[in-house]
């Protein structure tokens, strides 16, 4: 299936520059089971080879893209976060962090 995230195959999703030469497909939700689901659902982006390698080595950036793409999936397929969890095993959406102030006496 085509990507539901990115229409332009000639622009790198990470650095936003024109992809000259080899373009790589990145399945947003990878692993044995989720790569096939990503392909079926159009959950892929196009990257320079160097950006692709960089993304796999930077967990926070990778999780940020997963969260963004989860939201796109939910909107595109008109599904809930619970539906996403049933499909992909967990949610990548950022939850509100609760910061606790140290009590001053």
PDB file of N, CA and C in Angstrom:
ATOM      1  N   UNK A   1       0.850  -1.193   0.000  1.00  0.00           N
ATOM      2  CA  UNK A   1       0.000   0.000   0.000  1.00  0.00           C
ATOM      3  C   UNK A   1       0.885   1.242   0.000  1.00  0.00           C
ATOM      4  N   UNK A   2       0.366   2.300  -0.561  1.00  0.00           N
ATOM      5  CA  UNK A   2       1.094   3.569  -0.537  1.00  0.00           C
ATOM      6  C   UNK A   2       1.100   4.121   0.881  1.00  0.00           C
ATOM      7  N   UNK A   3       1.944   5.076   1.123  1.00  0.00           N
ATOM      8  CA  UNK A   3       2.036   5.704   2.442  1.00  0.00           C
ATOM      9  C   UNK A   3       0.834   6.619   2.677  1.00  0.00           C
ATOM     10  N   UNK A   4       0.240   6.524   3.870  1.00  0.00           N
ATOM     11  CA  UNK A   4      -0.822   7.465   4.245  1.00  0.00           C
ATOM     12  C   UNK A   4      -0.216   8.662   4.976  1.00  0.00           C
ATOM     13  N   UNK A   5       1.081   8.608   5.207  1.00  0.00           N
ATOM     14  CA  UNK A   5       1.780   9.652   5.965  1.00  0.00           C
ATOM     15  C   UNK A   5       2.433  10.666   5.043  1.00  0.00           C
ATOM     16  N   UNK A   6       2.995  10.185   3.957  1.00  0.00           N
ATOM     17  CA  UNK A   6       3.823  11.020   3.097  1.00  0.00           C
ATOM     18  C   UNK A   6       3.514  10.751   1.633  1.00  0.00           C
ATOM     19  N   UNK A   7       3.107  11.778   0.914  1.00  0.00           N
ATOM     20  CA  UNK A   7       2.822  11.630  -0.513  1.00  0.00           C
ATOM     21  C   UNK A   7       4.070  11.773  -1.373  1.00  0.00           C
ATOM     22  N   UNK A   8       4.989  12.616  -0.952  1.00  0.00           N
ATOM     23  CA  UNK A   8       6.177  12.936  -1.743  1.00  0.00           C
ATOM     24  C   UNK A   8       7.302  11.944  -1.446  1.00  0.00           C
ATOM     25  N   UNK A   9       7.521  11.016  -2.364  1.00  0.00           N
ATOM     26  CA  UNK A   9       8.573  10.009  -2.192  1.00  0.00           C
ATOM     27  C   UNK A   9       9.967  10.576  -2.435  1.00  0.00           C
ATOM     28  N   UNK A  10      10.056  11.795  -2.933  1.00  0.00           N
ATOM     29  CA  UNK A  10      11.352  12.375  -3.263  1.00  0.00           C
ATOM     30  C   UNK A  10      11.875  13.338  -2.211  1.00  0.00           C
ATOM     31  N   UNK A  11      11.192  13.438  -1.071  1.00  0.00           N
ATOM     32  CA  UNK A  11      11.641  14.292   0.027  1.00  0.00           C
ATOM     33  C   UNK A  11      11.798  13.441   1.272  1.00  0.00           C
ATOM     34  N   UNK A  12      12.938  13.557   1.929  1.00  0.00           N
ATOM     35  CA  UNK A  12      13.206  12.789   3.139  1.00  0.00           C
ATOM     36  C   UNK A  12      12.284  13.272   4.264  1.00  0.00           C
ATOM     37  N   UNK A  13      11.622  12.338   4.911  1.00  0.00           N
ATOM     38  CA  UNK A  13      10.681  12.677   5.977  1.00  0.00           C
ATOM     39  C   UNK A  13      11.386  13.299   7.179  1.00  0.00           C
ATOM     40  N   UNK A  14      12.632  12.929   7.423  1.00  0.00           N
ATOM     41  CA  UNK A  14      13.370  13.432   8.580  1.00  0.00           C
ATOM     42  C   UNK A  14      13.974  14.807   8.321  1.00  0.00           C
ATOM     43  N   UNK A  15      14.787  14.930   7.284  1.00  0.00           N
ATOM     44  CA  UNK A  15      15.513  16.190   7.061  1.00  0.00           C
ATOM     45  C   UNK A  15      14.817  17.135   6.080  1.00  0.00           C
ATOM     46  N   UNK A  16      13.776  16.650   5.418  1.00  0.00           N
ATOM     47  CA  UNK A  16      12.957  17.447   4.483  1.00  0.00           C
ATOM     48  C   UNK A  16      13.706  17.870   3.218  1.00  0.00           C
ATOM     49  N   UNK A  17      14.865  17.265   2.966  1.00  0.00           N
ATOM     50  CA  UNK A  17      15.633  17.574   1.755  1.00  0.00           C
ATOM     51  C   UNK A  17      15.292  16.579   0.653  1.00  0.00           C
ATOM     52  N   UNK A  18      15.561  17.024  -0.585  1.00  0.00           N
ATOM     53  CA  UNK A  18      15.328  16.167  -1.751  1.00  0.00           C
ATOM     54  C   UNK A  18      16.187  14.908  -1.646  1.00  0.00           C
ATOM     55  N   UNK A  19      15.582  13.780  -1.944  1.00  0.00           N
ATOM     56  CA  UNK A  19      16.316  12.511  -1.928  1.00  0.00           C
ATOM     57  C   UNK A  19      16.892  12.287  -3.313  1.00  0.00           C
ATOM     58  N   UNK A  20      18.192  12.400  -3.405  1.00  0.00           N
ATOM     59  CA  UNK A  20      18.889  12.129  -4.662  1.00  0.00           C
ATOM     60  C   UNK A  20      19.539  10.756  -4.518  1.00  0.00           C
ATOM     61  N   UNK A  21      19.323   9.905  -5.481  1.00  0.00           N
ATOM     62  CA  UNK A  21      19.920   8.575  -5.389  1.00  0.00           C
ATOM     63  C   UNK A  21      18.995   7.596  -4.706  1.00  0.00           C
ATOM     64  N   UNK A  22      19.564   6.841  -3.775  1.00  0.00           N
ATOM     65  CA  UNK A  22      18.780   5.758  -3.172  1.00  0.00           C
ATOM     66  C   UNK A  22      17.828   6.266  -2.098  1.00  0.00           C
ATOM     67  N   UNK A  23      16.586   5.937  -2.285  1.00  0.00           N
ATOM     68  CA  UNK A  23      15.534   6.265  -1.321  1.00  0.00           C
ATOM     69  C   UNK A  23      15.227   4.986  -0.554  1.00  0.00           C
ATOM     70  N   UNK A  24      15.046   5.121   0.758  1.00  0.00           N
ATOM     71  CA  UNK A  24      14.718   3.956   1.559  1.00  0.00           C
ATOM     72  C   UNK A  24      13.345   4.127   2.183  1.00  0.00           C
ATOM     73  N   UNK A  25      12.608   3.035   2.219  1.00  0.00           N
ATOM     74  CA  UNK A  25      11.298   3.002   2.868  1.00  0.00           C
ATOM     75  C   UNK A  25      11.509   2.623   4.320  1.00  0.00           C
ATOM     76  N   UNK A  26      10.905   3.381   5.204  1.00  0.00           N
ATOM     77  CA  UNK A  26      10.978   3.070   6.631  1.00  0.00           C
ATOM     78  C   UNK A  26       9.582   2.697   7.094  1.00  0.00           C
ATOM     79  N   UNK A  27       9.418   1.459   7.553  1.00  0.00           N
ATOM     80  CA  UNK A  27       8.151   1.025   8.129  1.00  0.00           C
ATOM     81  C   UNK A  27       8.121   1.547   9.560  1.00  0.00           C
ATOM     82  N   UNK A  28       7.190   2.427   9.845  1.00  0.00           N
ATOM     83  CA  UNK A  28       7.162   3.137  11.122  1.00  0.00           C
ATOM     84  C   UNK A  28       7.067   2.169  12.289  1.00  0.00           C
ATOM     85  N   UNK A  29       6.215   1.189  12.174  1.00  0.00           N
ATOM     86  CA  UNK A  29       6.074   0.193  13.236  1.00  0.00           C
ATOM     87  C   UNK A  29       6.701  -1.087  12.712  1.00  0.00           C
ATOM     88  N   UNK A  30       7.869  -1.383  13.225  1.00  0.00           N
ATOM     89  CA  UNK A  30       8.646  -2.489  12.680  1.00  0.00           C
ATOM     90  C   UNK A  30       8.593  -3.698  13.602  1.00  0.00           C
ATOM     91  N   UNK A  31       9.457  -4.643  13.349  1.00  0.00           N
ATOM     92  CA  UNK A  31       9.422  -5.917  14.065  1.00  0.00           C
ATOM     93  C   UNK A  31       8.707  -6.931  13.194  1.00  0.00           C
ATOM     94  N   UNK A  32       8.812  -8.169  13.566  1.00  0.00           N
ATOM     95  CA  UNK A  32       8.274  -9.254  12.743  1.00  0.00           C
ATOM     96  C   UNK A  32       6.796  -9.074  12.424  1.00  0.00           C
ATOM     97  N   UNK A  33       5.973  -8.839  13.425  1.00  0.00           N
ATOM     98  CA  UNK A  33       4.523  -8.737  13.199  1.00  0.00           C
ATOM     99  C   UNK A  33       4.116  -7.361  12.676  1.00  0.00           C
ATOM    100  N   UNK A  34       4.713  -6.305  13.202  1.00  0.00           N
ATOM    101  CA  UNK A  34       4.249  -4.953  12.888  1.00  0.00           C
ATOM    102  C   UNK A  34       4.725  -4.420  11.544  1.00  0.00           C
ATOM    103  N   UNK A  35       5.810  -4.938  11.003  1.00  0.00           N
ATOM    104  CA  UNK A  35       6.270  -4.488   9.685  1.00  0.00           C
ATOM    105  C   UNK A  35       5.210  -4.796   8.626  1.00  0.00           C
ATOM    106  N   UNK A  36       4.642  -5.996   8.671  1.00  0.00           N
ATOM    107  CA  UNK A  36       3.601  -6.374   7.708  1.00  0.00           C
ATOM    108  C   UNK A  36       2.364  -5.488   7.891  1.00  0.00           C
ATOM    109  N   UNK A  37       1.987  -5.224   9.144  1.00  0.00           N
ATOM    110  CA  UNK A  37       0.840  -4.358   9.413  1.00  0.00           C
ATOM    111  C   UNK A  37       1.115  -2.936   8.919  1.00  0.00           C
ATOM    112  N   UNK A  38       2.347  -2.451   9.130  1.00  0.00           N
ATOM    113  CA  UNK A  38       2.719  -1.122   8.634  1.00  0.00           C
ATOM    114  C   UNK A  38       2.557  -1.045   7.128  1.00  0.00           C
ATOM    115  N   UNK A  39       2.978  -2.089   6.445  1.00  0.00           N
ATOM    116  CA  UNK A  39       2.847  -2.134   4.983  1.00  0.00           C
ATOM    117  C   UNK A  39       1.370  -2.145   4.584  1.00  0.00           C
ATOM    118  N   UNK A  40       0.578  -2.966   5.236  1.00  0.00           N
ATOM    119  CA  UNK A  40      -0.855  -3.051   4.931  1.00  0.00           C
ATOM    120  C   UNK A  40      -1.574  -1.725   5.187  1.00  0.00           C
ATOM    121  N   UNK A  41      -1.183  -1.019   6.241  1.00  0.00           N
ATOM    122  CA  UNK A  41      -1.871   0.207   6.657  1.00  0.00           C
ATOM    123  C   UNK A  41      -1.291   1.483   6.052  1.00  0.00           C
ATOM    124  N   UNK A  42      -0.203   1.354   5.281  1.00  0.00           N
ATOM    125  CA  UNK A  42       0.417   2.543   4.691  1.00  0.00           C
ATOM    126  C   UNK A  42       1.223   3.350   5.693  1.00  0.00           C
ATOM    127  N   UNK A  43       1.741   2.690   6.705  1.00  0.00           N
ATOM    128  CA  UNK A  43       2.504   3.356   7.760  1.00  0.00           C
ATOM    129  C   UNK A  43       3.995   3.302   7.436  1.00  0.00           C
ATOM    130  N   UNK A  44       4.383   4.061   6.422  1.00  0.00           N
ATOM    131  CA  UNK A  44       5.781   4.107   6.020  1.00  0.00           C
ATOM    132  C   UNK A  44       6.134   5.502   5.530  1.00  0.00           C
ATOM    133  N   UNK A  45       7.403   5.822   5.666  1.00  0.00           N
ATOM    134  CA  UNK A  45       7.926   7.106   5.214  1.00  0.00           C
ATOM    135  C   UNK A  45       9.162   6.845   4.368  1.00  0.00           C
ATOM    136  N   UNK A  46       9.597   7.877   3.645  1.00  0.00           N
ATOM    137  CA  UNK A  46      10.735   7.758   2.743  1.00  0.00           C
ATOM    138  C   UNK A  46      11.887   8.597   3.284  1.00  0.00           C
ATOM    139  N   UNK A  47      13.076   7.985   3.290  1.00  0.00           N
ATOM    140  CA  UNK A  47      14.235   8.602   3.937  1.00  0.00           C
ATOM    141  C   UNK A  47      15.496   8.457   3.103  1.00  0.00           C
ATOM    142  N   UNK A  48      16.445   9.393   3.326  1.00  0.00           N
ATOM    143  CA  UNK A  48      17.817   9.176   2.856  1.00  0.00           C
ATOM    144  C   UNK A  48      18.376   7.990   3.630  1.00  0.00           C
ATOM    145  N   UNK A  49      19.344   7.321   3.074  1.00  0.00           N
ATOM    146  CA  UNK A  49      19.962   6.189   3.778  1.00  0.00           C
ATOM    147  C   UNK A  49      20.548   6.643   5.113  1.00  0.00           C
ATOM    148  N   UNK A  50      21.231   7.781   5.135  1.00  0.00           N
ATOM    149  CA  UNK A  50      21.847   8.251   6.384  1.00  0.00           C
ATOM    150  C   UNK A  50      20.794   8.625   7.422  1.00  0.00           C
ATOM    151  N   UNK A  51      19.698   9.234   6.997  1.00  0.00           N
ATOM    152  CA  UNK A  51      18.619   9.572   7.938  1.00  0.00           C
ATOM    153  C   UNK A  51      17.944   8.307   8.465  1.00  0.00           C
ATOM    154  N   UNK A  52      17.842   7.295   7.616  1.00  0.00           N
ATOM    155  CA  UNK A  52      17.249   6.028   8.029  1.00  0.00           C
ATOM    156  C   UNK A  52      18.105   5.378   9.119  1.00  0.00           C
ATOM    157  N   UNK A  53      19.398   5.331   8.907  1.00  0.00           N
ATOM    158  CA  UNK A  53      20.307   4.768   9.908  1.00  0.00           C
ATOM    159  C   UNK A  53      20.262   5.595  11.194  1.00  0.00           C
ATOM    160  N   UNK A  54      20.242   6.923  11.047  1.00  0.00           N
ATOM    161  CA  UNK A  54      20.193   7.815  12.206  1.00  0.00           C
ATOM    162  C   UNK A  54      18.927   7.560  13.026  1.00  0.00           C
ATOM    163  N   UNK A  55      17.789   7.439  12.344  1.00  0.00           N
ATOM    164  CA  UNK A  55      16.516   7.250  13.031  1.00  0.00           C
ATOM    165  C   UNK A  55      16.507   5.971  13.868  1.00  0.00           C
ATOM    166  N   UNK A  56      17.074   4.908  13.327  1.00  0.00           N
ATOM    167  CA  UNK A  56      17.113   3.639  14.066  1.00  0.00           C
ATOM    168  C   UNK A  56      18.035   3.708  15.282  1.00  0.00           C
ATOM    169  N   UNK A  57      18.915   4.688  15.324  1.00  0.00           N
ATOM    170  CA  UNK A  57      19.848   4.819  16.448  1.00  0.00           C
ATOM    171  C   UNK A  57      19.483   5.940  17.413  1.00  0.00           C
ATOM    172  N   UNK A  58      18.346   6.573  17.224  1.00  0.00           N
ATOM    173  CA  UNK A  58      17.902   7.665  18.101  1.00  0.00           C
ATOM    174  C   UNK A  58      16.486   7.372  18.590  1.00  0.00           C
ATOM    175  N   UNK A  59      16.373   6.680  19.733  1.00  0.00           N
ATOM    176  CA  UNK A  59      15.070   6.210  20.202  1.00  0.00           C
ATOM    177  C   UNK A  59      14.039   7.306  20.451  1.00  0.00           C
ATOM    178  N   UNK A  60      14.446   8.470  20.926  1.00  0.00           N
ATOM    179  CA  UNK A  60      13.467   9.523  21.195  1.00  0.00           C
ATOM    180  C   UNK A  60      12.883  10.045  19.886  1.00  0.00           C
ATOM    181  N   UNK A  61      13.716  10.270  18.885  1.00  0.00           N
ATOM    182  CA  UNK A  61      13.221  10.715  17.575  1.00  0.00           C
ATOM    183  C   UNK A  61      12.352   9.640  16.932  1.00  0.00           C
ATOM    184  N   UNK A  62      12.757   8.403  17.073  1.00  0.00           N
ATOM    185  CA  UNK A  62      11.984   7.294  16.518  1.00  0.00           C
ATOM    186  C   UNK A  62      10.617   7.224  17.193  1.00  0.00           C
ATOM    187  N   UNK A  63      10.589   7.379  18.509  1.00  0.00           N
ATOM    188  CA  UNK A  63       9.311   7.353  19.234  1.00  0.00           C
ATOM    189  C   UNK A  63       8.436   8.561  18.861  1.00  0.00           C
ATOM    190  N   UNK A  64       9.060   9.707  18.637  1.00  0.00           N
ATOM    191  CA  UNK A  64       8.310  10.898  18.235  1.00  0.00           C
ATOM    192  C   UNK A  64       7.603  10.657  16.903  1.00  0.00           C
ATOM    193  N   UNK A  65       8.309  10.057  15.959  1.00  0.00           N
ATOM    194  CA  UNK A  65       7.701   9.740  14.663  1.00  0.00           C
ATOM    195  C   UNK A  65       6.593   8.706  14.839  1.00  0.00           C
ATOM    196  N   UNK A  66       6.816   7.713  15.676  1.00  0.00           N
ATOM    197  CA  UNK A  66       5.784   6.720  15.937  1.00  0.00           C
ATOM    198  C   UNK A  66       4.522   7.376  16.514  1.00  0.00           C
ATOM    199  N   UNK A  67       4.695   8.290  17.454  1.00  0.00           N
ATOM    200  CA  UNK A  67       3.549   8.981  18.060  1.00  0.00           C
ATOM    201  C   UNK A  67       2.794   9.797  17.009  1.00  0.00           C
ATOM    202  N   UNK A  68       3.536  10.536  16.197  1.00  0.00           N
ATOM    203  CA  UNK A  68       2.912  11.346  15.143  1.00  0.00           C
ATOM    204  C   UNK A  68       2.147  10.459  14.160  1.00  0.00           C
ATOM    205  N   UNK A  69       2.761   9.345  13.787  1.00  0.00           N
ATOM    206  CA  UNK A  69       2.140   8.454  12.814  1.00  0.00           C
ATOM    207  C   UNK A  69       0.963   7.691  13.408  1.00  0.00           C
ATOM    208  N   UNK A  70       1.023   7.392  14.695  1.00  0.00           N
ATOM    209  CA  UNK A  70      -0.136   6.778  15.343  1.00  0.00           C
ATOM    210  C   UNK A  70      -1.339   7.702  15.240  1.00  0.00           C
ATOM    211  N   UNK A  71      -1.130   8.974  15.497  1.00  0.00           N
ATOM    212  CA  UNK A  71      -2.221   9.953  15.412  1.00  0.00           C
ATOM    213  C   UNK A  71      -2.767  10.015  13.975  1.00  0.00           C
ATOM    214  N   UNK A  72      -1.883   9.989  13.004  1.00  0.00           N
ATOM    215  CA  UNK A  72      -2.311   9.983  11.598  1.00  0.00           C
ATOM    216  C   UNK A  72      -3.139   8.732  11.315  1.00  0.00           C
ATOM    217  N   UNK A  73      -2.677   7.578  11.796  1.00  0.00           N
ATOM    218  CA  UNK A  73      -3.397   6.311  11.603  1.00  0.00           C
ATOM    219  C   UNK A  73      -4.798   6.406  12.193  1.00  0.00           C
ATOM    220  N   UNK A  74      -4.885   6.895  13.429  1.00  0.00           N
ATOM    221  CA  UNK A  74      -6.182   7.007  14.103  1.00  0.00           C
ATOM    222  C   UNK A  74      -7.126   7.928  13.336  1.00  0.00           C
ATOM    223  N   UNK A  75      -6.612   9.053  12.859  1.00  0.00           N
ATOM    224  CA  UNK A  75      -7.438   9.995  12.102  1.00  0.00           C
ATOM    225  C   UNK A  75      -7.848   9.419  10.744  1.00  0.00           C
ATOM    226  N   UNK A  76      -6.898   8.832  10.039  1.00  0.00           N
ATOM    227  CA  UNK A  76      -7.136   8.307   8.692  1.00  0.00           C
ATOM    228  C   UNK A  76      -8.167   7.180   8.714  1.00  0.00           C
ATOM    229  N   UNK A  77      -8.001   6.248   9.661  1.00  0.00           N
ATOM    230  CA  UNK A  77      -8.892   5.097   9.737  1.00  0.00           C
ATOM    231  C   UNK A  77     -10.083   5.317  10.684  1.00  0.00           C
ATOM    232  N   UNK A  78     -10.144   6.520  11.279  1.00  0.00           N
ATOM    233  CA  UNK A  78     -11.214   6.860  12.221  1.00  0.00           C
ATOM    234  C   UNK A  78     -11.310   5.820  13.338  1.00  0.00           C
ATOM    235  N   UNK A  79     -10.162   5.609  13.967  1.00  0.00           N
ATOM    236  CA  UNK A  79     -10.042   4.612  15.035  1.00  0.00           C
ATOM    237  C   UNK A  79      -9.589   5.291  16.318  1.00  0.00           C
ATOM    238  N   UNK A  80      -9.756   4.600  17.424  1.00  0.00           N
ATOM    239  CA  UNK A  80      -9.371   5.116  18.737  1.00  0.00           C
ATOM    240  C   UNK A  80      -7.963   4.638  19.117  1.00  0.00           C
ATOM    241  N   UNK A  81      -7.469   5.179  20.208  1.00  0.00           N
ATOM    242  CA  UNK A  81      -6.184   4.720  20.741  1.00  0.00           C
ATOM    243  C   UNK A  81      -6.271   3.237  21.112  1.00  0.00           C
ATOM    244  N   UNK A  82      -7.403   2.818  21.646  1.00  0.00           N
ATOM    245  CA  UNK A  82      -7.589   1.409  22.001  1.00  0.00           C
ATOM    246  C   UNK A  82      -7.527   0.513  20.762  1.00  0.00           C
ATOM    247  N   UNK A  83      -8.105   0.991  19.646  1.00  0.00           N
ATOM    248  CA  UNK A  83      -8.032   0.244  18.385  1.00  0.00           C
ATOM    249  C   UNK A  83      -6.578   0.105  17.933  1.00  0.00           C
ATOM    250  N   UNK A  84      -5.817   1.191  18.088  1.00  0.00           N
ATOM    251  CA  UNK A  84      -4.415   1.154  17.699  1.00  0.00           C
ATOM    252  C   UNK A  84      -3.659   0.128  18.542  1.00  0.00           C
ATOM    253  N   UNK A  85      -3.921   0.128  19.840  1.00  0.00           N
ATOM    254  CA  UNK A  85      -3.249  -0.816  20.737  1.00  0.00           C
ATOM    255  C   UNK A  85      -3.589  -2.257  20.346  1.00  0.00           C
ATOM    256  N   UNK A  86      -4.830  -2.516  19.979  1.00  0.00           N
ATOM    257  CA  UNK A  86      -5.224  -3.861  19.538  1.00  0.00           C
ATOM    258  C   UNK A  86      -4.455  -4.263  18.284  1.00  0.00           C
ATOM    259  N   UNK A  87      -4.211  -3.282  17.420  1.00  0.00           N
ATOM    260  CA  UNK A  87      -3.537  -3.572  16.145  1.00  0.00           C
ATOM    261  C   UNK A  87      -2.018  -3.694  16.303  1.00  0.00           C
ATOM    262  N   UNK A  88      -1.418  -2.773  17.062  1.00  0.00           N
ATOM    263  CA  UNK A  88       0.046  -2.687  17.131  1.00  0.00           C
ATOM    264  C   UNK A  88       0.652  -3.047  18.488  1.00  0.00           C
ATOM    265  N   UNK A  89      -0.189  -3.369  19.462  1.00  0.00           N
ATOM    266  CA  UNK A  89       0.333  -3.861  20.733  1.00  0.00           C
ATOM    267  C   UNK A  89       0.521  -2.838  21.841  1.00  0.00           C
ATOM    268  N   UNK A  90       0.677  -1.565  21.476  1.00  0.00           N
ATOM    269  CA  UNK A  90       0.813  -0.509  22.477  1.00  0.00           C
ATOM    270  C   UNK A  90       0.627   0.846  21.831  1.00  0.00           C
ATOM    271  N   UNK A  91       0.448   1.848  22.680  1.00  0.00           N
ATOM    272  CA  UNK A  91       0.301   3.224  22.206  1.00  0.00           C
ATOM    273  C   UNK A  91       1.642   3.939  22.309  1.00  0.00           C
ATOM    274  N   UNK A  92       1.898   4.803  21.351  1.00  0.00           N
ATOM    275  CA  UNK A  92       3.115   5.613  21.358  1.00  0.00           C
ATOM    276  C   UNK A  92       2.824   7.073  21.671  1.00  0.00           C
ATOM    277  N   UNK A  93       1.561   7.386  21.919  1.00  0.00           N
ATOM    278  CA  UNK A  93       1.211   8.763  22.223  1.00  0.00           C
ATOM    279  C   UNK A  93       1.831   9.166  23.550  1.00  0.00           C
ATOM    280  N   UNK A  94       2.305  10.396  23.596  1.00  0.00           N
ATOM    281  CA  UNK A  94       2.929  10.899  24.809  1.00  0.00           C
ATOM    282  C   UNK A  94       1.845  11.184  25.834  1.00  0.00           C
ATOM    283  N   UNK A  95       2.039  10.679  26.999  1.00  0.00           N
ATOM    284  CA  UNK A  95       1.104  10.942  28.091  1.00  0.00           C
ATOM    285  C   UNK A  95       1.598  12.158  28.861  1.00  0.00           C
ATOM    286  N   UNK A  96       0.668  12.852  29.473  1.00  0.00           N
ATOM    287  CA  UNK A  96       1.039  14.021  30.267  1.00  0.00           C
ATOM    288  C   UNK A  96       1.936  13.587  31.417  1.00  0.00           C
ATOM    289  N   UNK A  97       3.052  14.260  31.538  1.00  0.00           N
ATOM    290  CA  UNK A  97       3.969  13.962  32.635  1.00  0.00           C
ATOM    291  C   UNK A  97       3.518  14.708  33.873  1.00  0.00           C
ATOM    292  N   UNK A  98       3.527  14.041  34.962  1.00  0.00           N
ATOM    293  CA  UNK A  98       3.131  14.689  36.218  1.00  0.00           C
ATOM    294  C   UNK A  98       4.396  15.009  36.995  1.00  0.00           C
ATOM    295  N   UNK A  99       4.629  16.275  37.165  1.00  0.00           N
ATOM    296  CA  UNK A  99       5.808  16.726  37.906  1.00  0.00           C
ATOM    297  C   UNK A  99       5.378  17.055  39.334  1.00  0.00           C
ATOM    298  N   UNK A 100       6.135  16.585  40.246  1.00  0.00           N
ATOM    299  CA  UNK A 100       5.835  16.823  41.649  1.00  0.00           C
ATOM    300  C   UNK A 100       6.860  17.809  42.206  1.00  0.00           C
ATOM    301  N   UNK A 101       6.352  18.879  42.760  1.00  0.00           N
ATOM    302  CA  UNK A 101       7.247  19.855  43.385  1.00  0.00           C
ATOM    303  C   UNK A 101       7.701  19.325  44.723  1.00  0.00           C
ATOM    304  N   UNK A 102       8.932  19.569  45.004  1.00  0.00           N
ATOM    305  CA  UNK A 102       9.465  19.204  46.296  1.00  0.00           C
ATOM    306  C   UNK A 102       8.840  20.127  47.359  1.00  0.00           C
ATOM    307  N   UNK A 103       8.353  19.519  48.405  1.00  0.00           N
ATOM    308  CA  UNK A 103       7.746  20.320  49.471  1.00  0.00           C
ATOM    309  C   UNK A 103       8.829  21.107  50.191  1.00  0.00           C
ATOM    310  N   UNK A 104       8.522  22.339  50.394  1.00  0.00           N
ATOM    311  CA  UNK A 104       9.455  23.175  51.141  1.00  0.00           C
ATOM    312  C   UNK A 104       8.853  23.418  52.514  1.00  0.00           C
ATOM    313  N   UNK A 105       9.652  23.225  53.543  1.00  0.00           N
ATOM    314  CA  UNK A 105       9.185  23.426  54.917  1.00  0.00           C
ATOM    315  C   UNK A 105       9.850  24.620  55.542  1.00  0.00           C
TER     316      UNK A 105
END
